[in-house]
ModelCIF file with pLDDT and N, C-alpha, C, O atoms, coordinates in Angstrom:
data_MODEL
#
_entry.id   MODEL 
#
_entity.id                         1 
_entity.type                       polymer 
_entity.pdbx_number_of_molecules   1 
#
_entity_poly.entity_id                      1 
_entity_poly.type                           'polypeptide(L)' 
_entity_poly.nstd_linkage                   no 
_entity_poly.nstd_monomer                   no 
_entity_poly.pdbx_seq_one_letter_code       PVATNFPILSMGLREYCLQLQHLRLLFTCGG 
_entity_poly.pdbx_seq_one_letter_code_can   PVATNFPILSMGLREYCLQLQHLRLLFTCGG 
_entity_poly.pdbx_strand_id                 A 
#
loop_
_entity_poly_seq.entity_id 
_entity_poly_seq.num 
_entity_poly_seq.mon_id 
_entity_poly_seq.hetero 
1 1  PRO n 
1 2  VAL n 
1 3  ALA n 
1 4  THR n 
1 5  ASN n 
1 6  PHE n 
1 7  PRO n 
1 8  ILE n 
1 9  LEU n 
1 10 SER n 
1 11 MET n 
1 12 GLY n 
1 13 LEU n 
1 14 ARG n 
1 15 GLU n 
1 16 TYR n 
1 17 CYS n 
1 18 LEU n 
1 19 GLN n 
1 20 LEU n 
1 21 GLN n 
1 22 HIS n 
1 23 LEU n 
1 24 ARG n 
1 25 LEU n 
1 26 LEU n 
1 27 PHE n 
1 28 THR n 
1 29 CYS n 
1 30 GLY n 
1 31 GLY n 
#
_struct_asym.id          A 
_struct_asym.entity_id   1 
#
loop_
_ma_qa_metric.id 
_ma_qa_metric.mode 
_ma_qa_metric.name 
_ma_qa_metric.software_group_id 
_ma_qa_metric.type 
1 global pLDDT . pLDDT 
2 local  pLDDT . pLDDT 
#
_ma_qa_metric_global.metric_id      1 
_ma_qa_metric_global.metric_value   87.03 
_ma_qa_metric_global.model_id       1 
_ma_qa_metric_global.ordinal_id     1 
#
loop_
_ma_qa_metric_local.label_asym_id 
_ma_qa_metric_local.label_comp_id 
_ma_qa_metric_local.label_seq_id 
_ma_qa_metric_local.metric_id 
_ma_qa_metric_local.metric_value 
_ma_qa_metric_local.model_id 
_ma_qa_metric_local.ordinal_id 
A PRO 1  2 83.00 1 1  
A VAL 2  2 82.00 1 2  
A ALA 3  2 77.00 1 3  
A THR 4  2 78.00 1 4  
A ASN 5  2 79.00 1 5  
A PHE 6  2 81.00 1 6  
A PRO 7  2 82.00 1 7  
A ILE 8  2 85.00 1 8  
A LEU 9  2 84.00 1 9  
A SER 10 2 85.00 1 10 
A MET 11 2 89.00 1 11 
A GLY 12 2 88.00 1 12 
A LEU 13 2 88.00 1 13 
A ARG 14 2 91.00 1 14 
A GLU 15 2 92.00 1 15 
A TYR 16 2 91.00 1 16 
A CYS 17 2 92.00 1 17 
A LEU 18 2 92.00 1 18 
A GLN 19 2 92.00 1 19 
A LEU 20 2 91.00 1 20 
A GLN 21 2 90.00 1 21 
A HIS 22 2 91.00 1 22 
A LEU 23 2 90.00 1 23 
A ARG 24 2 91.00 1 24 
A LEU 25 2 91.00 1 25 
A LEU 26 2 91.00 1 26 
A PHE 27 2 92.00 1 27 
A THR 28 2 89.00 1 28 
A CYS 29 2 87.00 1 29 
A GLY 30 2 82.00 1 30 
A GLY 31 2 82.00 1 31 
#
loop_
_atom_site.group_PDB 
_atom_site.id 
_atom_site.type_symbol 
_atom_site.label_atom_id 
_atom_site.label_alt_id 
_atom_site.label_comp_id 
_atom_site.label_asym_id 
_atom_site.label_entity_id 
_atom_site.label_seq_id 
_atom_site.pdbx_PDB_ins_code 
_atom_site.Cartn_x 
_atom_site.Cartn_y 
_atom_site.Cartn_z 
_atom_site.occupancy 
_atom_site.B_iso_or_equiv 
_atom_site.pdbx_formal_charge 
_atom_site.auth_seq_id 
_atom_site.auth_comp_id 
_atom_site.auth_asym_id 
_atom_site.auth_atom_id 
_atom_site.pdbx_PDB_model_num 
ATOM 1   N N  . PRO A 1 1  ? 1.194  4.459  24.357  1.00 83.00 ? 1  PRO A N  1 
ATOM 2   C CA . PRO A 1 1  ? -0.049 4.955  24.968  1.00 83.00 ? 1  PRO A CA 1 
ATOM 3   C C  . PRO A 1 1  ? -0.421 6.357  24.526  1.00 83.00 ? 1  PRO A C  1 
ATOM 4   O O  . PRO A 1 1  ? -1.603 6.696  24.452  1.00 83.00 ? 1  PRO A O  1 
ATOM 5   N N  . VAL A 1 2  ? 0.587  7.179  24.229  1.00 82.00 ? 2  VAL A N  1 
ATOM 6   C CA . VAL A 1 2  ? 0.285  8.552  23.850  1.00 82.00 ? 2  VAL A CA 1 
ATOM 7   C C  . VAL A 1 2  ? -0.431 8.622  22.508  1.00 82.00 ? 2  VAL A C  1 
ATOM 8   O O  . VAL A 1 2  ? -1.166 9.578  22.260  1.00 82.00 ? 2  VAL A O  1 
ATOM 9   N N  . ALA A 1 3  ? -0.234 7.625  21.626  1.00 77.00 ? 3  ALA A N  1 
ATOM 10  C CA . ALA A 1 3  ? -0.889 7.634  20.316  1.00 77.00 ? 3  ALA A CA 1 
ATOM 11  C C  . ALA A 1 3  ? -2.391 7.417  20.440  1.00 77.00 ? 3  ALA A C  1 
ATOM 12  O O  . ALA A 1 3  ? -3.161 7.955  19.644  1.00 77.00 ? 3  ALA A O  1 
ATOM 13  N N  . THR A 1 4  ? -2.811 6.641  21.422  1.00 78.00 ? 4  THR A N  1 
ATOM 14  C CA . THR A 1 4  ? -4.247 6.417  21.617  1.00 78.00 ? 4  THR A CA 1 
ATOM 15  C C  . THR A 1 4  ? -4.911 7.566  22.355  1.00 78.00 ? 4  THR A C  1 
ATOM 16  O O  . THR A 1 4  ? -6.112 7.787  22.200  1.00 78.00 ? 4  THR A O  1 
ATOM 17  N N  . ASN A 1 5  ? -4.152 8.300  23.152  1.00 79.00 ? 5  ASN A N  1 
ATOM 18  C CA . ASN A 1 5  ? -4.722 9.401  23.929  1.00 79.00 ? 5  ASN A CA 1 
ATOM 19  C C  . ASN A 1 5  ? -4.734 10.719 23.169  1.00 79.00 ? 5  ASN A C  1 
ATOM 20  O O  . ASN A 1 5  ? -5.423 11.656 23.573  1.00 79.00 ? 5  ASN A O  1 
ATOM 21  N N  . PHE A 1 6  ? -3.996 10.804 22.094  1.00 81.00 ? 6  PHE A N  1 
ATOM 22  C CA . PHE A 1 6  ? -3.916 12.060 21.335  1.00 81.00 ? 6  PHE A CA 1 
ATOM 23  C C  . PHE A 1 6  ? -4.399 11.793 19.913  1.00 81.00 ? 6  PHE A C  1 
ATOM 24  O O  . PHE A 1 6  ? -3.643 11.218 19.130  1.00 81.00 ? 6  PHE A O  1 
ATOM 25  N N  . PRO A 1 7  ? -5.629 12.182 19.536  1.00 82.00 ? 7  PRO A N  1 
ATOM 26  C CA . PRO A 1 7  ? -6.200 11.825 18.220  1.00 82.00 ? 7  PRO A CA 1 
ATOM 27  C C  . PRO A 1 7  ? -5.416 12.404 17.040  1.00 82.00 ? 7  PRO A C  1 
ATOM 28  O O  . PRO A 1 7  ? -5.317 11.762 15.994  1.00 82.00 ? 7  PRO A O  1 
ATOM 29  N N  . ILE A 1 8  ? -4.855 13.615 17.195  1.00 85.00 ? 8  ILE A N  1 
ATOM 30  C CA . ILE A 1 8  ? -4.126 14.225 16.076  1.00 85.00 ? 8  ILE A CA 1 
ATOM 31  C C  . ILE A 1 8  ? -2.909 13.375 15.710  1.00 85.00 ? 8  ILE A C  1 
ATOM 32  O O  . ILE A 1 8  ? -2.591 13.212 14.532  1.00 85.00 ? 8  ILE A O  1 
ATOM 33  N N  . LEU A 1 9  ? -2.235 12.840 16.718  1.00 84.00 ? 9  LEU A N  1 
ATOM 34  C CA . LEU A 1 9  ? -1.072 11.990 16.465  1.00 84.00 ? 9  LEU A CA 1 
ATOM 35  C C  . LEU A 1 9  ? -1.488 10.691 15.779  1.00 84.00 ? 9  LEU A C  1 
ATOM 36  O O  . LEU A 1 9  ? -0.822 10.249 14.843  1.00 84.00 ? 9  LEU A O  1 
ATOM 37  N N  . SER A 1 10 ? -2.568 10.084 16.225  1.00 85.00 ? 10 SER A N  1 
ATOM 38  C CA . SER A 1 10 ? -3.030 8.835  15.595  1.00 85.00 ? 10 SER A CA 1 
ATOM 39  C C  . SER A 1 10 ? -3.456 9.069  14.144  1.00 85.00 ? 10 SER A C  1 
ATOM 40  O O  . SER A 1 10 ? -3.204 8.227  13.282  1.00 85.00 ? 10 SER A O  1 
ATOM 41  N N  . MET A 1 11 ? -4.099 10.203 13.872  1.00 89.00 ? 11 MET A N  1 
ATOM 42  C CA . MET A 1 11 ? -4.472 10.516 12.481  1.00 89.00 ? 11 MET A CA 1 
ATOM 43  C C  . MET A 1 11 ? -3.236 10.749 11.617  1.00 89.00 ? 11 MET A C  1 
ATOM 44  O O  . MET A 1 11 ? -3.191 10.320 10.464  1.00 89.00 ? 11 MET A O  1 
ATOM 45  N N  . GLY A 1 12 ? -2.235 11.430 12.175  1.00 88.00 ? 12 GLY A N  1 
ATOM 46  C CA . GLY A 1 12 ? -1.002 11.645 11.414  1.00 88.00 ? 12 GLY A CA 1 
ATOM 47  C C  . GLY A 1 12 ? -0.265 10.346 11.119  1.00 88.00 ? 12 GLY A C  1 
ATOM 48  O O  . GLY A 1 12 ? 0.280  10.168 10.030  1.00 88.00 ? 12 GLY A O  1 
ATOM 49  N N  . LEU A 1 13 ? -0.252 9.441  12.091  1.00 88.00 ? 13 LEU A N  1 
ATOM 50  C CA . LEU A 1 13 ? 0.389  8.143  11.863  1.00 88.00 ? 13 LEU A CA 1 
ATOM 51  C C  . LEU A 1 13 ? -0.362 7.330  10.821  1.00 88.00 ? 13 LEU A C  1 
ATOM 52  O O  . LEU A 1 13 ? 0.258  6.654  9.999   1.00 88.00 ? 13 LEU A O  1 
ATOM 53  N N  . ARG A 1 14 ? -1.703 7.387  10.845  1.00 91.00 ? 14 ARG A N  1 
ATOM 54  C CA . ARG A 1 14 ? -2.493 6.652  9.861   1.00 91.00 ? 14 ARG A CA 1 
ATOM 55  C C  . ARG A 1 14 ? -2.255 7.209  8.452   1.00 91.00 ? 14 ARG A C  1 
ATOM 56  O O  . ARG A 1 14 ? -2.155 6.445  7.492   1.00 91.00 ? 14 ARG A O  1 
ATOM 57  N N  . GLU A 1 15 ? -2.164 8.524  8.330   1.00 92.00 ? 15 GLU A N  1 
ATOM 58  C CA . GLU A 1 15 ? -1.901 9.143  7.026   1.00 92.00 ? 15 GLU A CA 1 
ATOM 59  C C  . GLU A 1 15 ? -0.506 8.787  6.519   1.00 92.00 ? 15 GLU A C  1 
ATOM 60  O O  . GLU A 1 15 ? -0.309 8.538  5.330   1.00 92.00 ? 15 GLU A O  1 
ATOM 61  N N  . TYR A 1 16 ? 0.450  8.767  7.432   1.00 91.00 ? 16 TYR A N  1 
ATOM 62  C CA . TYR A 1 16 ? 1.822  8.393  7.066   1.00 91.00 ? 16 TYR A CA 1 
ATOM 63  C C  . TYR A 1 16 ? 1.861  6.950  6.549   1.00 91.00 ? 16 TYR A C  1 
ATOM 64  O O  . TYR A 1 16 ? 2.517  6.664  5.547   1.00 91.00 ? 16 TYR A O  1 
ATOM 65  N N  . CYS A 1 17 ? 1.161  6.052  7.231   1.00 92.00 ? 17 CYS A N  1 
ATOM 66  C CA . CYS A 1 17 ? 1.135  4.645  6.800   1.00 92.00 ? 17 CYS A CA 1 
ATOM 67  C C  . CYS A 1 17 ? 0.468  4.488  5.435   1.00 92.00 ? 17 CYS A C  1 
ATOM 68  O O  . CYS A 1 17 ? 0.917  3.689  4.613   1.00 92.00 ? 17 CYS A O  1 
ATOM 69  N N  . LEU A 1 18 ? -0.609 5.253  5.190   1.00 92.00 ? 18 LEU A N  1 
ATOM 70  C CA . LEU A 1 18 ? -1.273 5.187  3.886   1.00 92.00 ? 18 LEU A CA 1 
ATOM 71  C C  . LEU A 1 18 ? -0.354 5.696  2.775   1.00 92.00 ? 18 LEU A C  1 
ATOM 72  O O  . LEU A 1 18 ? -0.358 5.158  1.667   1.00 92.00 ? 18 LEU A O  1 
ATOM 73  N N  . GLN A 1 19 ? 0.433  6.735  3.073   1.00 92.00 ? 19 GLN A N  1 
ATOM 74  C CA . GLN A 1 19 ? 1.375  7.232  2.062   1.00 92.00 ? 19 GLN A CA 1 
ATOM 75  C C  . GLN A 1 19 ? 2.420  6.178  1.719   1.00 92.00 ? 19 GLN A C  1 
ATOM 76  O O  . GLN A 1 19 ? 2.768  6.003  0.551   1.00 92.00 ? 19 GLN A O  1 
ATOM 77  N N  . LEU A 1 20 ? 2.920  5.479  2.726   1.00 91.00 ? 20 LEU A N  1 
ATOM 78  C CA . LEU A 1 20 ? 3.919  4.442  2.468   1.00 91.00 ? 20 LEU A CA 1 
ATOM 79  C C  . LEU A 1 20 ? 3.335  3.269  1.695   1.00 91.00 ? 20 LEU A C  1 
ATOM 80  O O  . LEU A 1 20 ? 4.049  2.617  0.933   1.00 91.00 ? 20 LEU A O  1 
ATOM 81  N N  . GLN A 1 21 ? 2.051  2.990  1.877   1.00 90.00 ? 21 GLN A N  1 
ATOM 82  C CA . GLN A 1 21 ? 1.415  1.913  1.124   1.00 90.00 ? 21 GLN A CA 1 
ATOM 83  C C  . GLN A 1 21 ? 1.237  2.277  -0.347  1.00 90.00 ? 21 GLN A C  1 
ATOM 84  O O  . GLN A 1 21 ? 1.347  1.411  -1.214  1.00 90.00 ? 21 GLN A O  1 
ATOM 85  N N  . HIS A 1 22 ? 0.960  3.558  -0.640  1.00 91.00 ? 22 HIS A N  1 
ATOM 86  C CA . HIS A 1 22 ? 0.727  3.975  -2.025  1.00 91.00 ? 22 HIS A CA 1 
ATOM 87  C C  . HIS A 1 22 ? 2.017  4.360  -2.748  1.00 91.00 ? 22 HIS A C  1 
ATOM 88  O O  . HIS A 1 22 ? 2.149  4.124  -3.949  1.00 91.00 ? 22 HIS A O  1 
ATOM 89  N N  . LEU A 1 23 ? 2.958  4.944  -2.031  1.00 90.00 ? 23 LEU A N  1 
ATOM 90  C CA . LEU A 1 23 ? 4.213  5.394  -2.650  1.00 90.00 ? 23 LEU A CA 1 
ATOM 91  C C  . LEU A 1 23 ? 5.306  4.385  -2.326  1.00 90.00 ? 23 LEU A C  1 
ATOM 92  O O  . LEU A 1 23 ? 6.132  4.613  -1.442  1.00 90.00 ? 23 LEU A O  1 
ATOM 93  N N  . ARG A 1 24 ? 5.304  3.288  -3.032  1.00 91.00 ? 24 ARG A N  1 
ATOM 94  C CA . ARG A 1 24 ? 6.331  2.261  -2.830  1.00 91.00 ? 24 ARG A CA 1 
ATOM 95  C C  . ARG A 1 24 ? 7.588  2.649  -3.609  1.00 91.00 ? 24 ARG A C  1 
ATOM 96  O O  . ARG A 1 24 ? 7.524  3.069  -4.764  1.00 91.00 ? 24 ARG A O  1 
ATOM 97  N N  . LEU A 1 25 ? 8.706  2.496  -2.952  1.00 91.00 ? 25 LEU A N  1 
ATOM 98  C CA . LEU A 1 25 ? 9.978  2.875  -3.567  1.00 91.00 ? 25 LEU A CA 1 
ATOM 99  C C  . LEU A 1 25 ? 10.450 1.762  -4.496  1.00 91.00 ? 25 LEU A C  1 
ATOM 100 O O  . LEU A 1 25 ? 10.642 0.621  -4.076  1.00 91.00 ? 25 LEU A O  1 
ATOM 101 N N  . LEU A 1 26 ? 10.634 2.119  -5.775  1.00 91.00 ? 26 LEU A N  1 
ATOM 102 C CA . LEU A 1 26 ? 11.104 1.171  -6.784  1.00 91.00 ? 26 LEU A CA 1 
ATOM 103 C C  . LEU A 1 26 ? 12.146 1.852  -7.656  1.00 91.00 ? 26 LEU A C  1 
ATOM 104 O O  . LEU A 1 26 ? 11.978 3.001  -8.064  1.00 91.00 ? 26 LEU A O  1 
ATOM 105 N N  . PHE A 1 27 ? 13.208 1.141  -7.934  1.00 92.00 ? 27 PHE A N  1 
ATOM 106 C CA . PHE A 1 27 ? 14.219 1.591  -8.891  1.00 92.00 ? 27 PHE A CA 1 
ATOM 107 C C  . PHE A 1 27 ? 14.009 0.787  -10.175 1.00 92.00 ? 27 PHE A C  1 
ATOM 108 O O  . PHE A 1 27 ? 14.262 -0.417 -10.209 1.00 92.00 ? 27 PHE A O  1 
ATOM 109 N N  . THR A 1 28 ? 13.549 1.457  -11.222 1.00 89.00 ? 28 THR A N  1 
ATOM 110 C CA . THR A 1 28 ? 13.216 0.767  -12.463 1.00 89.00 ? 28 THR A CA 1 
ATOM 111 C C  . THR A 1 28 ? 13.904 1.448  -13.640 1.00 89.00 ? 28 THR A C  1 
ATOM 112 O O  . THR A 1 28 ? 14.412 2.564  -13.523 1.00 89.00 ? 28 THR A O  1 
ATOM 113 N N  . CYS A 1 29 ? 13.909 0.760  -14.766 1.00 87.00 ? 29 CYS A N  1 
ATOM 114 C CA . CYS A 1 29 ? 14.377 1.315  -16.039 1.00 87.00 ? 29 CYS A CA 1 
ATOM 115 C C  . CYS A 1 29 ? 13.166 1.678  -16.885 1.00 87.00 ? 29 CYS A C  1 
ATOM 116 O O  . CYS A 1 29 ? 12.805 0.956  -17.815 1.00 87.00 ? 29 CYS A O  1 
ATOM 117 N N  . GLY A 1 30 ? 12.548 2.794  -16.556 1.00 82.00 ? 30 GLY A N  1 
ATOM 118 C CA . GLY A 1 30 ? 11.397 3.238  -17.318 1.00 82.00 ? 30 GLY A CA 1 
ATOM 119 C C  . GLY A 1 30 ? 10.209 2.312  -17.218 1.00 82.00 ? 30 GLY A C  1 
ATOM 120 O O  . GLY A 1 30 ? 9.341  2.348  -18.090 1.00 82.00 ? 30 GLY A O  1 
ATOM 121 N N  . GLY A 1 31 ? 10.133 1.481  -16.190 1.00 82.00 ? 31 GLY A N  1 
ATOM 122 C CA . GLY A 1 31 ? 9.046  0.543  -16.039 1.00 82.00 ? 31 GLY A CA 1 
ATOM 123 C C  . GLY A 1 31 ? 9.243  -0.772 -16.772 1.00 82.00 ? 31 GLY A C  1 
ATOM 124 O O  . GLY A 1 31 ? 8.380  -1.648 -16.714 1.00 82.00 ? 31 GLY A O  1 
#
């Protein structure tokens, strides 16, 4: 409930989720 009542927290959570969607963790050999 606190996430819906506090806009700064909801914006921070949304930004965190977007970062995880774009920065996917991969272990590769040079691609």
